[in-house]
Amino acid sequence: MAKVLIQITEDDIRRGVPISADRCPMAHALRRATGYDWQVGVSCIWRNDSSGNVLAGSTTQLPKKAVQFVTAVDCHHPVHPLWFEMEIPDA
């Protein structure tokens, strides 16, 4: 695990698609911060292998403020740029 700074920008918010695990603002920010494609749920993130299966050891919980952000995006509420640090699996 490595501590990573995740910065969700205005551009991530503008380009993001609510209720899309791989195209929401959080997914864009995670991709930029780690170089990997992530799937984003309401309270956790994970990576898939090329067959679409969850990579073992890749699932991790989001911090509370990230969960609140994802929930607001998915409910089509206005959101603002956000940054936070979280432990990201090496998987």
PDB file of N, CA and C in Angstrom:
ATOM      1  N   MET A   1       0.847  -1.176   0.000  1.00  0.00           N
ATOM      2  CA  MET A   1       0.000   0.000   0.000  1.00  0.00           C
ATOM      3  C   MET A   1       0.892   1.239   0.000  1.00  0.00           C
ATOM      4  N   ALA A   2       0.419   2.234  -0.690  1.00  0.00           N
ATOM      5  CA  ALA A   2       1.137   3.505  -0.743  1.00  0.00           C
ATOM      6  C   ALA A   2       0.143   4.632  -0.517  1.00  0.00           C
ATOM      7  N   LYS A   3       0.537   5.643   0.263  1.00  0.00           N
ATOM      8  CA  LYS A   3      -0.322   6.806   0.474  1.00  0.00           C
ATOM      9  C   LYS A   3      -0.220   7.690  -0.760  1.00  0.00           C
ATOM     10  N   VAL A   4      -1.372   8.026  -1.350  1.00  0.00           N
ATOM     11  CA  VAL A   4      -1.426   8.799  -2.585  1.00  0.00           C
ATOM     12  C   VAL A   4      -2.351   9.995  -2.394  1.00  0.00           C
ATOM     13  N   LEU A   5      -1.925  11.141  -2.937  1.00  0.00           N
ATOM     14  CA  LEU A   5      -2.765  12.339  -2.924  1.00  0.00           C
ATOM     15  C   LEU A   5      -3.693  12.287  -4.129  1.00  0.00           C
ATOM     16  N   ILE A   6      -4.984  12.331  -3.873  1.00  0.00           N
ATOM     17  CA  ILE A   6      -6.003  12.335  -4.932  1.00  0.00           C
ATOM     18  C   ILE A   6      -6.559  13.747  -5.008  1.00  0.00           C
ATOM     19  N   GLN A   7      -6.485  14.345  -6.199  1.00  0.00           N
ATOM     20  CA  GLN A   7      -6.995  15.700  -6.412  1.00  0.00           C
ATOM     21  C   GLN A   7      -8.065  15.667  -7.498  1.00  0.00           C
ATOM     22  N   ILE A   8      -9.303  15.903  -7.100  1.00  0.00           N
ATOM     23  CA  ILE A   8     -10.412  15.947  -8.047  1.00  0.00           C
ATOM     24  C   ILE A   8     -10.565  17.398  -8.480  1.00  0.00           C
ATOM     25  N   THR A   9     -10.366  17.649  -9.763  1.00  0.00           N
ATOM     26  CA  THR A   9     -10.347  19.012 -10.293  1.00  0.00           C
ATOM     27  C   THR A   9     -11.696  19.389 -10.910  1.00  0.00           C
ATOM     28  N   GLU A  10     -11.821  20.677 -11.242  1.00  0.00           N
ATOM     29  CA  GLU A  10     -13.013  21.146 -11.976  1.00  0.00           C
ATOM     30  C   GLU A  10     -13.155  20.378 -13.288  1.00  0.00           C
ATOM     31  N   ASP A  11     -12.025  20.107 -13.959  1.00  0.00           N
ATOM     32  CA  ASP A  11     -12.069  19.358 -15.214  1.00  0.00           C
ATOM     33  C   ASP A  11     -12.589  17.942 -14.989  1.00  0.00           C
ATOM     34  N   ASP A  12     -12.147  17.281 -13.905  1.00  0.00           N
ATOM     35  CA  ASP A  12     -12.665  15.943 -13.579  1.00  0.00           C
ATOM     36  C   ASP A  12     -14.173  15.997 -13.376  1.00  0.00           C
ATOM     37  N   ILE A  13     -14.628  17.017 -12.668  1.00  0.00           N
ATOM     38  CA  ILE A  13     -16.059  17.164 -12.388  1.00  0.00           C
ATOM     39  C   ILE A  13     -16.832  17.408 -13.688  1.00  0.00           C
ATOM     40  N   ARG A  14     -16.303  18.280 -14.536  1.00  0.00           N
ATOM     41  CA  ARG A  14     -16.977  18.604 -15.805  1.00  0.00           C
ATOM     42  C   ARG A  14     -17.057  17.383 -16.718  1.00  0.00           C
ATOM     43  N   ARG A  15     -15.958  16.617 -16.810  1.00  0.00           N
ATOM     44  CA  ARG A  15     -15.911  15.453 -17.710  1.00  0.00           C
ATOM     45  C   ARG A  15     -16.553  14.207 -17.114  1.00  0.00           C
ATOM     46  N   GLY A  16     -16.712  14.196 -15.783  1.00  0.00           N
ATOM     47  CA  GLY A  16     -17.191  13.000 -15.107  1.00  0.00           C
ATOM     48  C   GLY A  16     -18.632  12.661 -15.418  1.00  0.00           C
ATOM     49  N   VAL A  17     -18.938  11.383 -15.339  1.00  0.00           N
ATOM     50  CA  VAL A  17     -20.282  10.874 -15.592  1.00  0.00           C
ATOM     51  C   VAL A  17     -20.822  10.274 -14.290  1.00  0.00           C
ATOM     52  N   PRO A  18     -21.891  10.857 -13.732  1.00  0.00           N
ATOM     53  CA  PRO A  18     -22.462  10.293 -12.510  1.00  0.00           C
ATOM     54  C   PRO A  18     -22.867   8.829 -12.705  1.00  0.00           C
ATOM     55  N   ILE A  19     -22.751   8.075 -11.625  1.00  0.00           N
ATOM     56  CA  ILE A  19     -23.151   6.663 -11.593  1.00  0.00           C
ATOM     57  C   ILE A  19     -22.375   5.830 -12.623  1.00  0.00           C
ATOM     58  N   SER A  20     -21.184   6.250 -12.974  1.00  0.00           N
ATOM     59  CA  SER A  20     -20.322   5.485 -13.878  1.00  0.00           C
ATOM     60  C   SER A  20     -19.059   5.112 -13.114  1.00  0.00           C
ATOM     61  N   ALA A  21     -18.883   3.841 -12.844  1.00  0.00           N
ATOM     62  CA  ALA A  21     -17.766   3.384 -12.019  1.00  0.00           C
ATOM     63  C   ALA A  21     -16.411   3.742 -12.603  1.00  0.00           C
ATOM     64  N   ASP A  22     -16.310   3.827 -13.925  1.00  0.00           N
ATOM     65  CA  ASP A  22     -14.996   4.085 -14.534  1.00  0.00           C
ATOM     66  C   ASP A  22     -14.882   5.438 -15.226  1.00  0.00           C
ATOM     67  N   ARG A  23     -15.964   6.254 -15.206  1.00  0.00           N
ATOM     68  CA  ARG A  23     -15.909   7.562 -15.867  1.00  0.00           C
ATOM     69  C   ARG A  23     -16.371   8.707 -14.960  1.00  0.00           C
ATOM     70  N   CYS A  24     -16.567   8.424 -13.678  1.00  0.00           N
ATOM     71  CA  CYS A  24     -16.969   9.479 -12.747  1.00  0.00           C
ATOM     72  C   CYS A  24     -15.764  10.367 -12.425  1.00  0.00           C
ATOM     73  N   PRO A  25     -15.988  11.525 -11.820  1.00  0.00           N
ATOM     74  CA  PRO A  25     -14.869  12.415 -11.497  1.00  0.00           C
ATOM     75  C   PRO A  25     -13.774  11.731 -10.665  1.00  0.00           C
ATOM     76  N   MET A  26     -14.185  10.912  -9.705  1.00  0.00           N
ATOM     77  CA  MET A  26     -13.210  10.218  -8.848  1.00  0.00           C
ATOM     78  C   MET A  26     -12.345   9.265  -9.673  1.00  0.00           C
ATOM     79  N   ALA A  27     -12.939   8.567 -10.623  1.00  0.00           N
ATOM     80  CA  ALA A  27     -12.176   7.634 -11.471  1.00  0.00           C
ATOM     81  C   ALA A  27     -11.138   8.388 -12.299  1.00  0.00           C
ATOM     82  N   HIS A  28     -11.498   9.548 -12.820  1.00  0.00           N
ATOM     83  CA  HIS A  28     -10.537  10.359 -13.586  1.00  0.00           C
ATOM     84  C   HIS A  28      -9.361  10.775 -12.695  1.00  0.00           C
ATOM     85  N   ALA A  29      -9.658  11.227 -11.479  1.00  0.00           N
ATOM     86  CA  ALA A  29      -8.609  11.668 -10.562  1.00  0.00           C
ATOM     87  C   ALA A  29      -7.708  10.507 -10.139  1.00  0.00           C
ATOM     88  N   LEU A  30      -8.301   9.359  -9.870  1.00  0.00           N
ATOM     89  CA  LEU A  30      -7.511   8.180  -9.489  1.00  0.00           C
ATOM     90  C   LEU A  30      -6.587   7.745 -10.620  1.00  0.00           C
ATOM     91  N   ARG A  31      -7.108   7.770 -11.839  1.00  0.00           N
ATOM     92  CA  ARG A  31      -6.303   7.388 -13.008  1.00  0.00           C
ATOM     93  C   ARG A  31      -5.098   8.317 -13.153  1.00  0.00           C
ATOM     94  N   ARG A  32      -5.337   9.602 -12.991  1.00  0.00           N
ATOM     95  CA  ARG A  32      -4.259  10.578 -13.117  1.00  0.00           C
ATOM     96  C   ARG A  32      -3.222  10.389 -12.002  1.00  0.00           C
ATOM     97  N   ALA A  33      -3.681  10.122 -10.782  1.00  0.00           N
ATOM     98  CA  ALA A  33      -2.779  10.010  -9.631  1.00  0.00           C
ATOM     99  C   ALA A  33      -1.971   8.722  -9.618  1.00  0.00           C
ATOM    100  N   THR A  34      -2.524   7.638 -10.183  1.00  0.00           N
ATOM    101  CA  THR A  34      -1.870   6.334 -10.061  1.00  0.00           C
ATOM    102  C   THR A  34      -1.387   5.745 -11.378  1.00  0.00           C
ATOM    103  N   GLY A  35      -1.951   6.223 -12.495  1.00  0.00           N
ATOM    104  CA  GLY A  35      -1.609   5.634 -13.787  1.00  0.00           C
ATOM    105  C   GLY A  35      -2.401   4.381 -14.105  1.00  0.00           C
ATOM    106  N   TYR A  36      -3.354   4.018 -13.253  1.00  0.00           N
ATOM    107  CA  TYR A  36      -4.182   2.827 -13.466  1.00  0.00           C
ATOM    108  C   TYR A  36      -5.647   3.210 -13.594  1.00  0.00           C
ATOM    109  N   ASP A  37      -6.403   2.365 -14.286  1.00  0.00           N
ATOM    110  CA  ASP A  37      -7.852   2.534 -14.360  1.00  0.00           C
ATOM    111  C   ASP A  37      -8.481   1.919 -13.117  1.00  0.00           C
ATOM    112  N   TRP A  38      -9.340   2.670 -12.462  1.00  0.00           N
ATOM    113  CA  TRP A  38     -10.035   2.223 -11.251  1.00  0.00           C
ATOM    114  C   TRP A  38     -11.535   2.236 -11.471  1.00  0.00           C
ATOM    115  N   GLN A  39     -12.211   1.360 -10.777  1.00  0.00           N
ATOM    116  CA  GLN A  39     -13.661   1.345 -10.696  1.00  0.00           C
ATOM    117  C   GLN A  39     -14.013   1.988  -9.353  1.00  0.00           C
ATOM    118  N   VAL A  40     -15.030   2.819  -9.343  1.00  0.00           N
ATOM    119  CA  VAL A  40     -15.408   3.544  -8.123  1.00  0.00           C
ATOM    120  C   VAL A  40     -16.829   3.164  -7.732  1.00  0.00           C
ATOM    121  N   GLY A  41     -16.967   2.632  -6.532  1.00  0.00           N
ATOM    122  CA  GLY A  41     -18.281   2.377  -5.951  1.00  0.00           C
ATOM    123  C   GLY A  41     -18.608   3.514  -5.002  1.00  0.00           C
ATOM    124  N   VAL A  42     -19.692   3.380  -4.282  1.00  0.00           N
ATOM    125  CA  VAL A  42     -20.080   4.435  -3.347  1.00  0.00           C
ATOM    126  C   VAL A  42     -19.070   4.560  -2.217  1.00  0.00           C
ATOM    127  N   SER A  43     -18.512   3.444  -1.749  1.00  0.00           N
ATOM    128  CA  SER A  43     -17.630   3.506  -0.579  1.00  0.00           C
ATOM    129  C   SER A  43     -16.261   2.859  -0.782  1.00  0.00           C
ATOM    130  N   CYS A  44     -16.007   2.302  -1.970  1.00  0.00           N
ATOM    131  CA  CYS A  44     -14.711   1.668  -2.194  1.00  0.00           C
ATOM    132  C   CYS A  44     -14.304   1.766  -3.664  1.00  0.00           C
ATOM    133  N   ILE A  45     -13.028   1.459  -3.908  1.00  0.00           N
ATOM    134  CA  ILE A  45     -12.495   1.429  -5.275  1.00  0.00           C
ATOM    135  C   ILE A  45     -11.843   0.074  -5.506  1.00  0.00           C
ATOM    136  N   TRP A  46     -11.717  -0.309  -6.775  1.00  0.00           N
ATOM    137  CA  TRP A  46     -11.051  -1.556  -7.130  1.00  0.00           C
ATOM    138  C   TRP A  46     -10.580  -1.480  -8.572  1.00  0.00           C
ATOM    139  N   ARG A  47      -9.654  -2.386  -8.914  1.00  0.00           N
ATOM    140  CA  ARG A  47      -9.169  -2.499 -10.288  1.00  0.00           C
ATOM    141  C   ARG A  47      -9.605  -3.834 -10.847  1.00  0.00           C
ATOM    142  N   ASN A  48      -9.845  -3.849 -12.151  1.00  0.00           N
ATOM    143  CA  ASN A  48     -10.199  -5.080 -12.851  1.00  0.00           C
ATOM    144  C   ASN A  48      -9.039  -5.540 -13.728  1.00  0.00           C
ATOM    145  N   ASP A  49      -8.964  -6.858 -13.947  1.00  0.00           N
ATOM    146  CA  ASP A  49      -7.983  -7.365 -14.899  1.00  0.00           C
ATOM    147  C   ASP A  49      -8.559  -7.245 -16.302  1.00  0.00           C
ATOM    148  N   SER A  50      -7.822  -7.698 -17.298  1.00  0.00           N
ATOM    149  CA  SER A  50      -8.256  -7.540 -18.693  1.00  0.00           C
ATOM    150  C   SER A  50      -9.528  -8.325 -19.010  1.00  0.00           C
ATOM    151  N   SER A  51      -9.891  -9.287 -18.168  1.00  0.00           N
ATOM    152  CA  SER A  51     -11.123 -10.055 -18.360  1.00  0.00           C
ATOM    153  C   SER A  51     -12.315  -9.441 -17.626  1.00  0.00           C
ATOM    154  N   GLY A  52     -12.068  -8.359 -16.887  1.00  0.00           N
ATOM    155  CA  GLY A  52     -13.149  -7.705 -16.155  1.00  0.00           C
ATOM    156  C   GLY A  52     -13.329  -8.217 -14.743  1.00  0.00           C
ATOM    157  N   ASN A  53     -12.457  -9.123 -14.303  1.00  0.00           N
ATOM    158  CA  ASN A  53     -12.538  -9.646 -12.944  1.00  0.00           C
ATOM    159  C   ASN A  53     -11.790  -8.723 -11.985  1.00  0.00           C
ATOM    160  N   VAL A  54     -12.285  -8.602 -10.765  1.00  0.00           N
ATOM    161  CA  VAL A  54     -11.624  -7.766  -9.764  1.00  0.00           C
ATOM    162  C   VAL A  54     -10.248  -8.343  -9.459  1.00  0.00           C
ATOM    163  N   LEU A  55      -9.221  -7.492  -9.531  1.00  0.00           N
ATOM    164  CA  LEU A  55      -7.863  -7.925  -9.185  1.00  0.00           C
ATOM    165  C   LEU A  55      -7.784  -8.183  -7.686  1.00  0.00           C
ATOM    166  N   ALA A  56      -7.279  -9.352  -7.314  1.00  0.00           N
ATOM    167  CA  ALA A  56      -7.133  -9.696  -5.905  1.00  0.00           C
ATOM    168  C   ALA A  56      -6.292  -8.639  -5.198  1.00  0.00           C
ATOM    169  N   GLY A  57      -6.742  -8.213  -4.040  1.00  0.00           N
ATOM    170  CA  GLY A  57      -6.000  -7.258  -3.237  1.00  0.00           C
ATOM    171  C   GLY A  57      -6.120  -5.815  -3.683  1.00  0.00           C
ATOM    172  N   SER A  58      -6.959  -5.534  -4.694  1.00  0.00           N
ATOM    173  CA  SER A  58      -7.033  -4.165  -5.206  1.00  0.00           C
ATOM    174  C   SER A  58      -8.157  -3.342  -4.587  1.00  0.00           C
ATOM    175  N   THR A  59      -9.044  -3.969  -3.856  1.00  0.00           N
ATOM    176  CA  THR A  59     -10.187  -3.245  -3.289  1.00  0.00           C
ATOM    177  C   THR A  59      -9.778  -2.520  -2.012  1.00  0.00           C
ATOM    178  N   THR A  60     -10.187  -1.266  -1.899  1.00  0.00           N
ATOM    179  CA  THR A  60      -9.924  -0.498  -0.683  1.00  0.00           C
ATOM    180  C   THR A  60     -11.058   0.484  -0.419  1.00  0.00           C
ATOM    181  N   GLN A  61     -11.262   0.789   0.839  1.00  0.00           N
ATOM    182  CA  GLN A  61     -12.327   1.698   1.248  1.00  0.00           C
ATOM    183  C   GLN A  61     -11.928   3.149   0.964  1.00  0.00           C
ATOM    184  N   LEU A  62     -12.902   3.955   0.595  1.00  0.00           N
ATOM    185  CA  LEU A  62     -12.683   5.389   0.413  1.00  0.00           C
ATOM    186  C   LEU A  62     -12.828   6.105   1.753  1.00  0.00           C
ATOM    187  N   PRO A  63     -12.091   7.206   1.939  1.00  0.00           N
ATOM    188  CA  PRO A  63     -12.292   8.021   3.147  1.00  0.00           C
ATOM    189  C   PRO A  63     -13.696   8.638   3.152  1.00  0.00           C
ATOM    190  N   LYS A  64     -14.154   9.028   4.333  1.00  0.00           N
ATOM    191  CA  LYS A  64     -15.518   9.549   4.495  1.00  0.00           C
ATOM    192  C   LYS A  64     -15.818  10.704   3.538  1.00  0.00           C
ATOM    193  N   LYS A  65     -14.897  11.682   3.398  1.00  0.00           N
ATOM    194  CA  LYS A  65     -15.211  12.818   2.534  1.00  0.00           C
ATOM    195  C   LYS A  65     -15.275  12.410   1.064  1.00  0.00           C
ATOM    196  N   ALA A  66     -14.553  11.362   0.686  1.00  0.00           N
ATOM    197  CA  ALA A  66     -14.641  10.856  -0.688  1.00  0.00           C
ATOM    198  C   ALA A  66     -15.982  10.159  -0.919  1.00  0.00           C
ATOM    199  N   VAL A  67     -16.452   9.419   0.090  1.00  0.00           N
ATOM    200  CA  VAL A  67     -17.773   8.773  -0.001  1.00  0.00           C
ATOM    201  C   VAL A  67     -18.857   9.838  -0.154  1.00  0.00           C
ATOM    202  N   GLN A  68     -18.758  10.907   0.613  1.00  0.00           N
ATOM    203  CA  GLN A  68     -19.740  11.988   0.517  1.00  0.00           C
ATOM    204  C   GLN A  68     -19.707  12.633  -0.871  1.00  0.00           C
ATOM    205  N   PHE A  69     -18.508  12.789  -1.435  1.00  0.00           N
ATOM    206  CA  PHE A  69     -18.361  13.363  -2.775  1.00  0.00           C
ATOM    207  C   PHE A  69     -19.016  12.462  -3.821  1.00  0.00           C
ATOM    208  N   VAL A  70     -18.697  11.161  -3.785  1.00  0.00           N
ATOM    209  CA  VAL A  70     -19.263  10.211  -4.752  1.00  0.00           C
ATOM    210  C   VAL A  70     -20.786  10.203  -4.654  1.00  0.00           C
ATOM    211  N   THR A  71     -21.300  10.194  -3.444  1.00  0.00           N
ATOM    212  CA  THR A  71     -22.760  10.194  -3.242  1.00  0.00           C
ATOM    213  C   THR A  71     -23.381  11.454  -3.834  1.00  0.00           C
ATOM    214  N   ALA A  72     -22.765  12.608  -3.609  1.00  0.00           N
ATOM    215  CA  ALA A  72     -23.291  13.864  -4.155  1.00  0.00           C
ATOM    216  C   ALA A  72     -23.280  13.844  -5.680  1.00  0.00           C
ATOM    217  N   VAL A  73     -22.195  13.375  -6.274  1.00  0.00           N
ATOM    218  CA  VAL A  73     -22.112  13.292  -7.742  1.00  0.00           C
ATOM    219  C   VAL A  73     -23.213  12.381  -8.283  1.00  0.00           C
ATOM    220  N   ASP A  74     -23.348  11.209  -7.658  1.00  0.00           N
ATOM    221  CA  ASP A  74     -24.336  10.242  -8.143  1.00  0.00           C
ATOM    222  C   ASP A  74     -25.771  10.737  -7.982  1.00  0.00           C
ATOM    223  N   CYS A  75     -25.997  11.638  -7.023  1.00  0.00           N
ATOM    224  CA  CYS A  75     -27.331  12.223  -6.810  1.00  0.00           C
ATOM    225  C   CYS A  75     -27.510  13.526  -7.589  1.00  0.00           C
ATOM    226  N   HIS A  76     -26.525  13.837  -8.455  1.00  0.00           N
ATOM    227  CA  HIS A  76     -26.567  15.044  -9.287  1.00  0.00           C
ATOM    228  C   HIS A  76     -26.607  16.331  -8.470  1.00  0.00           C
ATOM    229  N   HIS A  77     -25.977  16.311  -7.293  1.00  0.00           N
ATOM    230  CA  HIS A  77     -25.852  17.520  -6.484  1.00  0.00           C
ATOM    231  C   HIS A  77     -24.591  18.267  -6.910  1.00  0.00           C
ATOM    232  N   PRO A  78     -24.558  19.575  -6.742  1.00  0.00           N
ATOM    233  CA  PRO A  78     -23.353  20.327  -7.100  1.00  0.00           C
ATOM    234  C   PRO A  78     -22.183  19.905  -6.204  1.00  0.00           C
ATOM    235  N   VAL A  79     -21.004  19.803  -6.793  1.00  0.00           N
ATOM    236  CA  VAL A  79     -19.794  19.470  -6.040  1.00  0.00           C
ATOM    237  C   VAL A  79     -18.675  20.427  -6.426  1.00  0.00           C
ATOM    238  N   HIS A  80     -17.674  20.479  -5.593  1.00  0.00           N
ATOM    239  CA  HIS A  80     -16.523  21.347  -5.809  1.00  0.00           C
ATOM    240  C   HIS A  80     -15.269  20.487  -5.812  1.00  0.00           C
ATOM    241  N   PRO A  81     -14.171  20.998  -6.362  1.00  0.00           N
ATOM    242  CA  PRO A  81     -12.924  20.237  -6.330  1.00  0.00           C
ATOM    243  C   PRO A  81     -12.610  19.774  -4.903  1.00  0.00           C
ATOM    244  N   LEU A  82     -11.945  18.645  -4.832  1.00  0.00           N
ATOM    245  CA  LEU A  82     -11.666  18.007  -3.548  1.00  0.00           C
ATOM    246  C   LEU A  82     -10.298  17.357  -3.619  1.00  0.00           C
ATOM    247  N   TRP A  83      -9.594  17.353  -2.501  1.00  0.00           N
ATOM    248  CA  TRP A  83      -8.359  16.590  -2.427  1.00  0.00           C
ATOM    249  C   TRP A  83      -8.332  15.837  -1.113  1.00  0.00           C
ATOM    250  N   PHE A  84      -7.685  14.690  -1.131  1.00  0.00           N
ATOM    251  CA  PHE A  84      -7.525  13.871   0.064  1.00  0.00           C
ATOM    252  C   PHE A  84      -6.405  12.869  -0.184  1.00  0.00           C
ATOM    253  N   GLU A  85      -5.877  12.337   0.890  1.00  0.00           N
ATOM    254  CA  GLU A  85      -4.882  11.276   0.783  1.00  0.00           C
ATOM    255  C   GLU A  85      -5.532   9.965   1.178  1.00  0.00           C
ATOM    256  N   MET A  86      -5.122   8.899   0.518  1.00  0.00           N
ATOM    257  CA  MET A  86      -5.612   7.584   0.890  1.00  0.00           C
ATOM    258  C   MET A  86      -4.580   6.524   0.558  1.00  0.00           C
ATOM    259  N   GLU A  87      -4.674   5.414   1.232  1.00  0.00           N
ATOM    260  CA  GLU A  87      -3.814   4.267   0.954  1.00  0.00           C
ATOM    261  C   GLU A  87      -4.354   3.559  -0.283  1.00  0.00           C
ATOM    262  N   ILE A  88      -3.478   3.362  -1.259  1.00  0.00           N
ATOM    263  CA  ILE A  88      -3.853   2.698  -2.508  1.00  0.00           C
ATOM    264  C   ILE A  88      -3.124   1.363  -2.568  1.00  0.00           C
ATOM    265  N   PRO A  89      -3.845   0.264  -2.823  1.00  0.00           N
ATOM    266  CA  PRO A  89      -3.189  -1.043  -2.936  1.00  0.00           C
ATOM    267  C   PRO A  89      -2.198  -1.075  -4.090  1.00  0.00           C
ATOM    268  N   ASP A  90      -1.155  -1.866  -3.923  1.00  0.00           N
ATOM    269  CA  ASP A  90      -0.146  -2.030  -4.961  1.00  0.00           C
ATOM    270  C   ASP A  90      -0.597  -2.972  -6.069  1.00  0.00           C
ATOM    271  N   ALA A  91      -1.695  -3.668  -5.868  1.00  0.00           N
ATOM    272  CA  ALA A  91      -2.155  -4.685  -6.833  1.00  0.00           C
ATOM    273  C   ALA A  91      -2.417  -4.101  -8.203  1.00  0.00           C
TER     274      ALA A  91
END
